[in-house]
PDB file of N, CA and C in Angstrom:
ATOM      1  N   UNK A   1      -2.220   0.634  19.012  1.00  0.00           N
ATOM      2  CA  UNK A   1      -0.828   0.943  18.735  1.00  0.00           C
ATOM      3  C   UNK A   1      -0.743   2.036  17.679  1.00  0.00           C
ATOM      4  N   UNK A   2       0.240   2.882  17.819  1.00  0.00           N
ATOM      5  CA  UNK A   2       0.487   3.955  16.851  1.00  0.00           C
ATOM      6  C   UNK A   2       1.859   3.777  16.219  1.00  0.00           C
ATOM      7  N   UNK A   3       1.978   4.289  15.009  1.00  0.00           N
ATOM      8  CA  UNK A   3       3.257   4.305  14.302  1.00  0.00           C
ATOM      9  C   UNK A   3       3.534   5.746  13.916  1.00  0.00           C
ATOM     10  N   UNK A   4       4.728   6.223  14.215  1.00  0.00           N
ATOM     11  CA  UNK A   4       5.138   7.572  13.839  1.00  0.00           C
ATOM     12  C   UNK A   4       6.316   7.463  12.882  1.00  0.00           C
ATOM     13  N   UNK A   5       6.093   7.879  11.650  1.00  0.00           N
ATOM     14  CA  UNK A   5       7.148   7.879  10.637  1.00  0.00           C
ATOM     15  C   UNK A   5       7.752   9.279  10.633  1.00  0.00           C
ATOM     16  N   UNK A   6       9.020   9.392  10.993  1.00  0.00           N
ATOM     17  CA  UNK A   6       9.675  10.694  11.165  1.00  0.00           C
ATOM     18  C   UNK A   6      10.594  11.031   9.999  1.00  0.00           C
ATOM     19  N   UNK A   7      10.626  12.318   9.652  1.00  0.00           N
ATOM     20  CA  UNK A   7      11.631  12.902   8.748  1.00  0.00           C
ATOM     21  C   UNK A   7      11.626  12.356   7.323  1.00  0.00           C
ATOM     22  N   UNK A   8      10.488  11.898   6.844  1.00  0.00           N
ATOM     23  CA  UNK A   8      10.424  11.356   5.489  1.00  0.00           C
ATOM     24  C   UNK A   8      10.073  12.414   4.461  1.00  0.00           C
ATOM     25  N   UNK A   9      10.192  12.052   3.198  1.00  0.00           N
ATOM     26  CA  UNK A   9       9.709  12.891   2.104  1.00  0.00           C
ATOM     27  C   UNK A   9       8.388  12.284   1.654  1.00  0.00           C
ATOM     28  N   UNK A  10       7.301  12.967   1.990  1.00  0.00           N
ATOM     29  CA  UNK A  10       5.963  12.490   1.652  1.00  0.00           C
ATOM     30  C   UNK A  10       5.684  12.826   0.189  1.00  0.00           C
ATOM     31  N   UNK A  11       5.219  11.835  -0.554  1.00  0.00           N
ATOM     32  CA  UNK A  11       4.897  12.012  -1.969  1.00  0.00           C
ATOM     33  C   UNK A  11       3.439  11.613  -2.163  1.00  0.00           C
ATOM     34  N   UNK A  12       2.650  12.531  -2.752  1.00  0.00           N
ATOM     35  CA  UNK A  12       1.282  12.170  -3.111  1.00  0.00           C
ATOM     36  C   UNK A  12       1.009  12.612  -4.536  1.00  0.00           C
ATOM     37  N   UNK A  13      -0.242  12.682  -4.937  1.00  0.00           N
ATOM     38  CA  UNK A  13      -0.552  12.928  -6.343  1.00  0.00           C
ATOM     39  C   UNK A  13      -0.136  14.298  -6.855  1.00  0.00           C
ATOM     40  N   UNK A  14       0.057  15.267  -5.975  1.00  0.00           N
ATOM     41  CA  UNK A  14       0.363  16.613  -6.468  1.00  0.00           C
ATOM     42  C   UNK A  14       1.462  17.347  -5.706  1.00  0.00           C
ATOM     43  N   UNK A  15       2.128  16.675  -4.785  1.00  0.00           N
ATOM     44  CA  UNK A  15       3.142  17.373  -3.992  1.00  0.00           C
ATOM     45  C   UNK A  15       4.190  16.394  -3.454  1.00  0.00           C
ATOM     46  N   UNK A  16       5.324  16.975  -3.060  1.00  0.00           N
ATOM     47  CA  UNK A  16       6.413  16.230  -2.437  1.00  0.00           C
ATOM     48  C   UNK A  16       6.995  17.150  -1.375  1.00  0.00           C
ATOM     49  N   UNK A  17       6.981  16.719  -0.096  1.00  0.00           N
ATOM     50  CA  UNK A  17       7.411  17.601   0.981  1.00  0.00           C
ATOM     51  C   UNK A  17       7.934  16.789   2.166  1.00  0.00           C
ATOM     52  N   UNK A  18       8.797  17.421   2.972  1.00  0.00           N
ATOM     53  CA  UNK A  18       9.336  16.788   4.179  1.00  0.00           C
ATOM     54  C   UNK A  18       8.267  16.826   5.265  1.00  0.00           C
ATOM     55  N   UNK A  19       8.042  15.681   5.908  1.00  0.00           N
ATOM     56  CA  UNK A  19       7.021  15.636   6.955  1.00  0.00           C
ATOM     57  C   UNK A  19       7.135  14.350   7.764  1.00  0.00           C
ATOM     58  N   UNK A  20       6.409  14.344   8.875  1.00  0.00           N
ATOM     59  CA  UNK A  20       6.209  13.156   9.685  1.00  0.00           C
ATOM     60  C   UNK A  20       4.795  12.661   9.404  1.00  0.00           C
ATOM     61  N   UNK A  21       4.567  11.364   9.598  1.00  0.00           N
ATOM     62  CA  UNK A  21       3.234  10.789   9.413  1.00  0.00           C
ATOM     63  C   UNK A  21       2.894   9.979  10.662  1.00  0.00           C
ATOM     64  N   UNK A  22       1.767  10.309  11.284  1.00  0.00           N
ATOM     65  CA  UNK A  22       1.299   9.586  12.464  1.00  0.00           C
ATOM     66  C   UNK A  22       0.143   8.678  12.055  1.00  0.00           C
ATOM     67  N   UNK A  23       0.293   7.398  12.350  1.00  0.00           N
ATOM     68  CA  UNK A  23      -0.743   6.404  12.053  1.00  0.00           C
ATOM     69  C   UNK A  23      -1.265   5.877  13.385  1.00  0.00           C
ATOM     70  N   UNK A  24      -2.569   5.998  13.593  1.00  0.00           N
ATOM     71  CA  UNK A  24      -3.196   5.541  14.826  1.00  0.00           C
ATOM     72  C   UNK A  24      -4.348   4.607  14.481  1.00  0.00           C
ATOM     73  N   UNK A  25      -4.384   3.466  15.119  1.00  0.00           N
ATOM     74  CA  UNK A  25      -5.431   2.467  14.864  1.00  0.00           C
ATOM     75  C   UNK A  25      -5.548   2.127  13.385  1.00  0.00           C
ATOM     76  N   UNK A  26      -4.407   2.046  12.696  1.00  0.00           N
ATOM     77  CA  UNK A  26      -4.383   1.645  11.300  1.00  0.00           C
ATOM     78  C   UNK A  26      -4.779   2.712  10.303  1.00  0.00           C
ATOM     79  N   UNK A  27      -4.985   3.941  10.767  1.00  0.00           N
ATOM     80  CA  UNK A  27      -5.377   5.034   9.870  1.00  0.00           C
ATOM     81  C   UNK A  27      -4.438   6.220  10.041  1.00  0.00           C
ATOM     82  N   UNK A  28      -4.200   6.941   8.951  1.00  0.00           N
ATOM     83  CA  UNK A  28      -3.365   8.138   9.032  1.00  0.00           C
ATOM     84  C   UNK A  28      -4.103   9.176   9.860  1.00  0.00           C
ATOM     85  N   UNK A  29      -3.499   9.575  10.974  1.00  0.00           N
ATOM     86  CA  UNK A  29      -4.119  10.537  11.880  1.00  0.00           C
ATOM     87  C   UNK A  29      -3.634  11.951  11.618  1.00  0.00           C
ATOM     88  N   UNK A  30      -2.367  12.083  11.175  1.00  0.00           N
ATOM     89  CA  UNK A  30      -1.818  13.419  10.972  1.00  0.00           C
ATOM     90  C   UNK A  30      -0.582  13.354  10.088  1.00  0.00           C
ATOM     91  N   UNK A  31      -0.404  14.406   9.297  1.00  0.00           N
ATOM     92  CA  UNK A  31       0.795  14.586   8.482  1.00  0.00           C
ATOM     93  C   UNK A  31       1.274  15.997   8.745  1.00  0.00           C
ATOM     94  N   UNK A  32       2.531  16.154   9.151  1.00  0.00           N
ATOM     95  CA  UNK A  32       3.052  17.487   9.438  1.00  0.00           C
ATOM     96  C   UNK A  32       4.475  17.423   9.952  1.00  0.00           C
ATOM     97  N   UNK A  33       4.964  18.570  10.391  1.00  0.00           N
ATOM     98  CA  UNK A  33       6.330  18.657  10.905  1.00  0.00           C
ATOM     99  C   UNK A  33       6.353  18.475  12.412  1.00  0.00           C
ATOM    100  N   UNK A  34       7.405  17.833  12.899  1.00  0.00           N
ATOM    101  CA  UNK A  34       7.657  17.666  14.331  1.00  0.00           C
ATOM    102  C   UNK A  34       6.479  17.057  15.077  1.00  0.00           C
ATOM    103  N   UNK A  35       5.872  16.022  14.516  1.00  0.00           N
ATOM    104  CA  UNK A  35       4.741  15.372  15.171  1.00  0.00           C
ATOM    105  C   UNK A  35       5.215  14.537  16.349  1.00  0.00           C
ATOM    106  N   UNK A  36       4.365  14.423  17.343  1.00  0.00           N
ATOM    107  CA  UNK A  36       4.601  13.545  18.481  1.00  0.00           C
ATOM    108  C   UNK A  36       3.317  12.764  18.714  1.00  0.00           C
ATOM    109  N   UNK A  37       3.435  11.668  19.411  1.00  0.00           N
ATOM    110  CA  UNK A  37       2.253  10.867  19.726  1.00  0.00           C
ATOM    111  C   UNK A  37       2.218  10.622  21.219  1.00  0.00           C
ATOM    112  N   UNK A  38       1.067  10.847  21.812  1.00  0.00           N
ATOM    113  CA  UNK A  38       0.906  10.587  23.229  1.00  0.00           C
ATOM    114  C   UNK A  38       0.759   9.096  23.477  1.00  0.00           C
ATOM    115  N   UNK A  39       0.904   8.701  24.705  1.00  0.00           N
ATOM    116  CA  UNK A  39       0.755   7.290  25.032  1.00  0.00           C
ATOM    117  C   UNK A  39       2.071   6.552  24.908  1.00  0.00           C
ATOM    118  N   UNK A  40       2.085   5.322  25.436  1.00  0.00           N
ATOM    119  CA  UNK A  40       3.326   4.581  25.456  1.00  0.00           C
ATOM    120  C   UNK A  40       3.499   3.552  24.362  1.00  0.00           C
ATOM    121  N   UNK A  41       2.415   3.141  23.720  1.00  0.00           N
ATOM    122  CA  UNK A  41       2.512   2.073  22.732  1.00  0.00           C
ATOM    123  C   UNK A  41       2.661   2.663  21.333  1.00  0.00           C
ATOM    124  N   UNK A  42       3.879   3.116  21.012  1.00  0.00           N
ATOM    125  CA  UNK A  42       4.130   3.744  19.714  1.00  0.00           C
ATOM    126  C   UNK A  42       5.439   3.226  19.131  1.00  0.00           C
ATOM    127  N   UNK A  43       5.413   2.955  17.859  1.00  0.00           N
ATOM    128  CA  UNK A  43       6.617   2.545  17.137  1.00  0.00           C
ATOM    129  C   UNK A  43       7.066   3.738  16.305  1.00  0.00           C
ATOM    130  N   UNK A  44       8.316   4.139  16.448  1.00  0.00           N
ATOM    131  CA  UNK A  44       8.857   5.267  15.691  1.00  0.00           C
ATOM    132  C   UNK A  44       9.794   4.727  14.613  1.00  0.00           C
ATOM    133  N   UNK A  45       9.538   5.147  13.372  1.00  0.00           N
ATOM    134  CA  UNK A  45      10.367   4.740  12.235  1.00  0.00           C
ATOM    135  C   UNK A  45      11.068   5.963  11.673  1.00  0.00           C
ATOM    136  N   UNK A  46      12.372   5.882  11.472  1.00  0.00           N
ATOM    137  CA  UNK A  46      13.130   6.991  10.891  1.00  0.00           C
ATOM    138  C   UNK A  46      13.131   6.855   9.371  1.00  0.00           C
ATOM    139  N   UNK A  47      12.531   7.822   8.691  1.00  0.00           N
ATOM    140  CA  UNK A  47      12.446   7.791   7.226  1.00  0.00           C
ATOM    141  C   UNK A  47      13.358   8.834   6.585  1.00  0.00           C
ATOM    142  N   UNK A  48      14.403   9.250   7.300  1.00  0.00           N
ATOM    143  CA  UNK A  48      15.351  10.210   6.744  1.00  0.00           C
ATOM    144  C   UNK A  48      15.912   9.678   5.425  1.00  0.00           C
ATOM    145  N   UNK A  49      15.925  10.529   4.402  1.00  0.00           N
ATOM    146  CA  UNK A  49      16.409  10.173   3.063  1.00  0.00           C
ATOM    147  C   UNK A  49      15.573   9.075   2.389  1.00  0.00           C
ATOM    148  N   UNK A  50      14.306   8.958   2.806  1.00  0.00           N
ATOM    149  CA  UNK A  50      13.412   7.958   2.212  1.00  0.00           C
ATOM    150  C   UNK A  50      12.086   8.608   1.834  1.00  0.00           C
ATOM    151  N   UNK A  51      11.404   7.978   0.881  1.00  0.00           N
ATOM    152  CA  UNK A  51      10.092   8.453   0.462  1.00  0.00           C
ATOM    153  C   UNK A  51       9.003   7.742   1.254  1.00  0.00           C
ATOM    154  N   UNK A  52       7.966   8.480   1.604  1.00  0.00           N
ATOM    155  CA  UNK A  52       6.773   7.927   2.237  1.00  0.00           C
ATOM    156  C   UNK A  52       5.650   8.124   1.226  1.00  0.00           C
ATOM    157  N   UNK A  53       5.149   7.016   0.686  1.00  0.00           N
ATOM    158  CA  UNK A  53       4.154   7.109  -0.386  1.00  0.00           C
ATOM    159  C   UNK A  53       2.921   6.287  -0.027  1.00  0.00           C
ATOM    160  N   UNK A  54       1.770   6.657  -0.595  1.00  0.00           N
ATOM    161  CA  UNK A  54       0.586   5.815  -0.392  1.00  0.00           C
ATOM    162  C   UNK A  54       0.760   4.515  -1.166  1.00  0.00           C
ATOM    163  N   UNK A  55      -0.023   3.527  -0.843  1.00  0.00           N
ATOM    164  CA  UNK A  55       0.036   2.263  -1.570  1.00  0.00           C
ATOM    165  C   UNK A  55      -0.309   2.462  -3.032  1.00  0.00           C
ATOM    166  N   UNK A  56       0.351   1.714  -3.881  1.00  0.00           N
ATOM    167  CA  UNK A  56       0.094   1.817  -5.313  1.00  0.00           C
ATOM    168  C   UNK A  56      -1.128   1.019  -5.735  1.00  0.00           C
ATOM    169  N   UNK A  57      -1.633   1.333  -6.914  1.00  0.00           N
ATOM    170  CA  UNK A  57      -2.772   0.630  -7.498  1.00  0.00           C
ATOM    171  C   UNK A  57      -2.332   0.032  -8.828  1.00  0.00           C
ATOM    172  N   UNK A  58      -2.580  -1.251  -9.006  1.00  0.00           N
ATOM    173  CA  UNK A  58      -2.304  -1.908 -10.283  1.00  0.00           C
ATOM    174  C   UNK A  58      -3.649  -2.169 -10.961  1.00  0.00           C
ATOM    175  N   UNK A  59      -3.989  -1.375 -11.969  1.00  0.00           N
ATOM    176  CA  UNK A  59      -5.313  -1.497 -12.585  1.00  0.00           C
ATOM    177  C   UNK A  59      -5.410  -2.579 -13.661  1.00  0.00           C
ATOM    178  N   UNK A  60      -4.358  -3.382 -13.828  1.00  0.00           N
ATOM    179  CA  UNK A  60      -4.379  -4.378 -14.902  1.00  0.00           C
ATOM    180  C   UNK A  60      -3.641  -5.634 -14.449  1.00  0.00           C
ATOM    181  N   UNK A  61      -4.365  -6.540 -13.811  1.00  0.00           N
ATOM    182  CA  UNK A  61      -3.755  -7.797 -13.375  1.00  0.00           C
ATOM    183  C   UNK A  61      -4.425  -8.983 -14.068  1.00  0.00           C
ATOM    184  N   UNK A  62      -3.768 -10.121 -14.012  1.00  0.00           N
ATOM    185  CA  UNK A  62      -4.284 -11.353 -14.619  1.00  0.00           C
ATOM    186  C   UNK A  62      -4.246 -12.478 -13.592  1.00  0.00           C
ATOM    187  N   UNK A  63      -4.858 -12.278 -12.444  1.00  0.00           N
ATOM    188  CA  UNK A  63      -4.858 -13.295 -11.403  1.00  0.00           C
ATOM    189  C   UNK A  63      -5.883 -14.376 -11.742  1.00  0.00           C
ATOM    190  N   UNK A  64      -5.410 -15.604 -11.798  1.00  0.00           N
ATOM    191  CA  UNK A  64      -6.247 -16.769 -12.076  1.00  0.00           C
ATOM    192  C   UNK A  64      -7.025 -16.635 -13.379  1.00  0.00           C
ATOM    193  N   UNK A  65      -6.510 -15.881 -14.322  1.00  0.00           N
ATOM    194  CA  UNK A  65      -7.240 -15.639 -15.558  1.00  0.00           C
ATOM    195  C   UNK A  65      -7.094 -16.804 -16.528  1.00  0.00           C
ATOM    196  N   UNK A  66      -8.216 -17.396 -16.934  1.00  0.00           N
ATOM    197  CA  UNK A  66      -8.135 -18.444 -17.948  1.00  0.00           C
ATOM    198  C   UNK A  66      -7.937 -17.837 -19.334  1.00  0.00           C
ATOM    199  N   UNK A  67      -7.044 -18.458 -20.114  1.00  0.00           N
ATOM    200  CA  UNK A  67      -6.792 -17.959 -21.463  1.00  0.00           C
ATOM    201  C   UNK A  67      -6.272 -19.102 -22.316  1.00  0.00           C
ATOM    202  N   UNK A  68      -6.943 -19.404 -23.381  1.00  0.00           N
ATOM    203  CA  UNK A  68      -6.543 -20.450 -24.324  1.00  0.00           C
ATOM    204  C   UNK A  68      -6.280 -21.790 -23.627  1.00  0.00           C
ATOM    205  N   UNK A  69      -7.176 -22.160 -22.721  1.00  0.00           N
ATOM    206  CA  UNK A  69      -7.061 -23.435 -22.032  1.00  0.00           C
ATOM    207  C   UNK A  69      -6.063 -23.461 -20.892  1.00  0.00           C
ATOM    208  N   UNK A  70      -5.437 -22.343 -20.589  1.00  0.00           N
ATOM    209  CA  UNK A  70      -4.468 -22.240 -19.495  1.00  0.00           C
ATOM    210  C   UNK A  70      -5.005 -21.262 -18.448  1.00  0.00           C
ATOM    211  N   UNK A  71      -4.399 -21.289 -17.278  1.00  0.00           N
ATOM    212  CA  UNK A  71      -4.754 -20.343 -16.218  1.00  0.00           C
ATOM    213  C   UNK A  71      -3.471 -19.660 -15.771  1.00  0.00           C
ATOM    214  N   UNK A  72      -3.534 -18.340 -15.553  1.00  0.00           N
ATOM    215  CA  UNK A  72      -2.356 -17.585 -15.116  1.00  0.00           C
ATOM    216  C   UNK A  72      -1.732 -18.230 -13.882  1.00  0.00           C
ATOM    217  N   UNK A  73      -0.421 -18.202 -13.800  1.00  0.00           N
ATOM    218  CA  UNK A  73       0.302 -18.846 -12.703  1.00  0.00           C
ATOM    219  C   UNK A  73      -0.027 -18.224 -11.350  1.00  0.00           C
ATOM    220  N   UNK A  74      -0.255 -16.915 -11.300  1.00  0.00           N
ATOM    221  CA  UNK A  74      -0.586 -16.251 -10.037  1.00  0.00           C
ATOM    222  C   UNK A  74      -2.041 -16.503  -9.686  1.00  0.00           C
ATOM    223  N   UNK A  75      -2.268 -17.234  -8.584  1.00  0.00           N
ATOM    224  CA  UNK A  75      -3.636 -17.323  -8.102  1.00  0.00           C
ATOM    225  C   UNK A  75      -3.923 -16.059  -7.290  1.00  0.00           C
ATOM    226  N   UNK A  76      -5.150 -15.889  -6.880  1.00  0.00           N
ATOM    227  CA  UNK A  76      -5.541 -14.659  -6.193  1.00  0.00           C
ATOM    228  C   UNK A  76      -4.739 -14.456  -4.908  1.00  0.00           C
ATOM    229  N   UNK A  77      -4.608 -15.500  -4.100  1.00  0.00           N
ATOM    230  CA  UNK A  77      -3.902 -15.396  -2.828  1.00  0.00           C
ATOM    231  C   UNK A  77      -2.438 -15.000  -3.023  1.00  0.00           C
ATOM    232  N   UNK A  78      -1.703 -15.756  -3.819  1.00  0.00           N
ATOM    233  CA  UNK A  78      -0.275 -15.469  -4.010  1.00  0.00           C
ATOM    234  C   UNK A  78      -0.042 -14.179  -4.785  1.00  0.00           C
ATOM    235  N   UNK A  79      -0.898 -13.888  -5.748  1.00  0.00           N
ATOM    236  CA  UNK A  79      -0.751 -12.656  -6.522  1.00  0.00           C
ATOM    237  C   UNK A  79      -0.942 -11.408  -5.687  1.00  0.00           C
ATOM    238  N   UNK A  80      -1.934 -11.425  -4.781  1.00  0.00           N
ATOM    239  CA  UNK A  80      -2.153 -10.244  -3.939  1.00  0.00           C
ATOM    240  C   UNK A  80      -1.087 -10.132  -2.853  1.00  0.00           C
ATOM    241  N   UNK A  81      -0.586 -11.251  -2.356  1.00  0.00           N
ATOM    242  CA  UNK A  81       0.515 -11.197  -1.379  1.00  0.00           C
ATOM    243  C   UNK A  81       1.774 -10.621  -2.022  1.00  0.00           C
ATOM    244  N   UNK A  82       2.058 -11.028  -3.248  1.00  0.00           N
ATOM    245  CA  UNK A  82       3.221 -10.491  -3.959  1.00  0.00           C
ATOM    246  C   UNK A  82       3.040  -9.003  -4.228  1.00  0.00           C
ATOM    247  N   UNK A  83       1.831  -8.604  -4.569  1.00  0.00           N
ATOM    248  CA  UNK A  83       1.564  -7.189  -4.839  1.00  0.00           C
ATOM    249  C   UNK A  83       1.818  -6.339  -3.600  1.00  0.00           C
ATOM    250  N   UNK A  84       1.271  -6.743  -2.459  1.00  0.00           N
ATOM    251  CA  UNK A  84       1.430  -5.936  -1.247  1.00  0.00           C
ATOM    252  C   UNK A  84       2.885  -5.918  -0.776  1.00  0.00           C
ATOM    253  N   UNK A  85       3.636  -6.980  -1.026  1.00  0.00           N
ATOM    254  CA  UNK A  85       5.059  -6.991  -0.671  1.00  0.00           C
ATOM    255  C   UNK A  85       5.828  -5.932  -1.449  1.00  0.00           C
ATOM    256  N   UNK A  86       5.330  -5.576  -2.621  1.00  0.00           N
ATOM    257  CA  UNK A  86       5.965  -4.542  -3.439  1.00  0.00           C
ATOM    258  C   UNK A  86       5.338  -3.168  -3.284  1.00  0.00           C
ATOM    259  N   UNK A  87       4.405  -2.998  -2.333  1.00  0.00           N
ATOM    260  CA  UNK A  87       3.807  -1.687  -2.095  1.00  0.00           C
ATOM    261  C   UNK A  87       2.511  -1.432  -2.846  1.00  0.00           C
ATOM    262  N   UNK A  88       2.016  -2.435  -3.552  1.00  0.00           N
ATOM    263  CA  UNK A  88       0.746  -2.287  -4.258  1.00  0.00           C
ATOM    264  C   UNK A  88      -0.360  -2.773  -3.334  1.00  0.00           C
ATOM    265  N   UNK A  89      -1.261  -1.869  -2.948  1.00  0.00           N
ATOM    266  CA  UNK A  89      -2.289  -2.208  -1.971  1.00  0.00           C
ATOM    267  C   UNK A  89      -3.663  -2.420  -2.589  1.00  0.00           C
ATOM    268  N   UNK A  90      -3.776  -2.229  -3.904  1.00  0.00           N
ATOM    269  CA  UNK A  90      -5.048  -2.481  -4.581  1.00  0.00           C
ATOM    270  C   UNK A  90      -4.763  -3.004  -5.978  1.00  0.00           C
ATOM    271  N   UNK A  91      -5.497  -4.043  -6.369  1.00  0.00           N
ATOM    272  CA  UNK A  91      -5.384  -4.557  -7.729  1.00  0.00           C
ATOM    273  C   UNK A  91      -6.769  -4.565  -8.362  1.00  0.00           C
ATOM    274  N   UNK A  92      -6.777  -4.367  -9.658  1.00  0.00           N
ATOM    275  CA  UNK A  92      -8.020  -4.481 -10.425  1.00  0.00           C
ATOM    276  C   UNK A  92      -7.786  -5.584 -11.436  1.00  0.00           C
ATOM    277  N   UNK A  93      -8.655  -6.559 -11.396  1.00  0.00           N
ATOM    278  CA  UNK A  93      -8.474  -7.722 -12.256  1.00  0.00           C
ATOM    279  C   UNK A  93      -8.921  -7.434 -13.680  1.00  0.00           C
ATOM    280  N   UNK A  94      -8.337  -8.159 -14.592  1.00  0.00           N
ATOM    281  CA  UNK A  94      -8.668  -8.029 -16.004  1.00  0.00           C
ATOM    282  C   UNK A  94     -10.146  -8.316 -16.245  1.00  0.00           C
ATOM    283  N   UNK A  95     -10.702  -7.674 -17.240  1.00  0.00           N
ATOM    284  CA  UNK A  95     -12.117  -7.863 -17.569  1.00  0.00           C
ATOM    285  C   UNK A  95     -12.423  -9.285 -18.009  1.00  0.00           C
ATOM    286  N   UNK A  96     -11.413 -10.048 -18.396  1.00  0.00           N
ATOM    287  CA  UNK A  96     -11.627 -11.407 -18.869  1.00  0.00           C
ATOM    288  C   UNK A  96     -11.615 -12.442 -17.756  1.00  0.00           C
ATOM    289  N   UNK A  97     -11.332 -12.011 -16.531  1.00  0.00           N
ATOM    290  CA  UNK A  97     -11.251 -12.948 -15.416  1.00  0.00           C
ATOM    291  C   UNK A  97     -12.630 -13.533 -15.126  1.00  0.00           C
ATOM    292  N   UNK A  98     -12.695 -14.851 -14.986  1.00  0.00           N
ATOM    293  CA  UNK A  98     -13.977 -15.504 -14.763  1.00  0.00           C
ATOM    294  C   UNK A  98     -14.151 -16.012 -13.340  1.00  0.00           C
ATOM    295  N   UNK A  99     -13.103 -16.048 -12.560  1.00  0.00           N
ATOM    296  CA  UNK A  99     -13.195 -16.514 -11.184  1.00  0.00           C
ATOM    297  C   UNK A  99     -13.906 -15.443 -10.363  1.00  0.00           C
ATOM    298  N   UNK A 100     -14.957 -15.821  -9.637  1.00  0.00           N
ATOM    299  CA  UNK A 100     -15.758 -14.820  -8.930  1.00  0.00           C
ATOM    300  C   UNK A 100     -14.965 -14.064  -7.867  1.00  0.00           C
ATOM    301  N   UNK A 101     -13.900 -14.664  -7.318  1.00  0.00           N
ATOM    302  CA  UNK A 101     -13.079 -13.944  -6.338  1.00  0.00           C
ATOM    303  C   UNK A 101     -12.295 -12.821  -6.979  1.00  0.00           C
ATOM    304  N   UNK A 102     -12.043 -12.918  -8.273  1.00  0.00           N
ATOM    305  CA  UNK A 102     -11.232 -11.900  -8.929  1.00  0.00           C
ATOM    306  C   UNK A 102     -12.061 -10.961  -9.790  1.00  0.00           C
ATOM    307  N   UNK A 103     -13.369 -11.094  -9.757  1.00  0.00           N
ATOM    308  CA  UNK A 103     -14.216 -10.152 -10.493  1.00  0.00           C
ATOM    309  C   UNK A 103     -14.119  -8.790  -9.823  1.00  0.00           C
ATOM    310  N   UNK A 104     -13.918  -7.760 -10.591  1.00  0.00           N
ATOM    311  CA  UNK A 104     -13.775  -6.411 -10.038  1.00  0.00           C
ATOM    312  C   UNK A 104     -14.767  -5.473 -10.704  1.00  0.00           C
TER     313      UNK A 104
END
């Protein structure tokens, strides 16, 4: 399946420009103007007046972090689900985290 995001404002680390974004097999295949996708299994999203941005990175999280006899309320599963719901696609756990799933 492919996804074609049309007419958005693409924002990356050094530029902001109007473009379409074609995603094929879960990967960005092309960024440009007036893109089309061959084949029949394609979802088209209209991003007019919207920003198209890469996933954010949160370099300072406290998932399941023990501190003073307590553990952070966000466990790894719920904390990462909440992060991705807000557009954050990568988290880096605090250096004090002792749970092996959250070691980064």
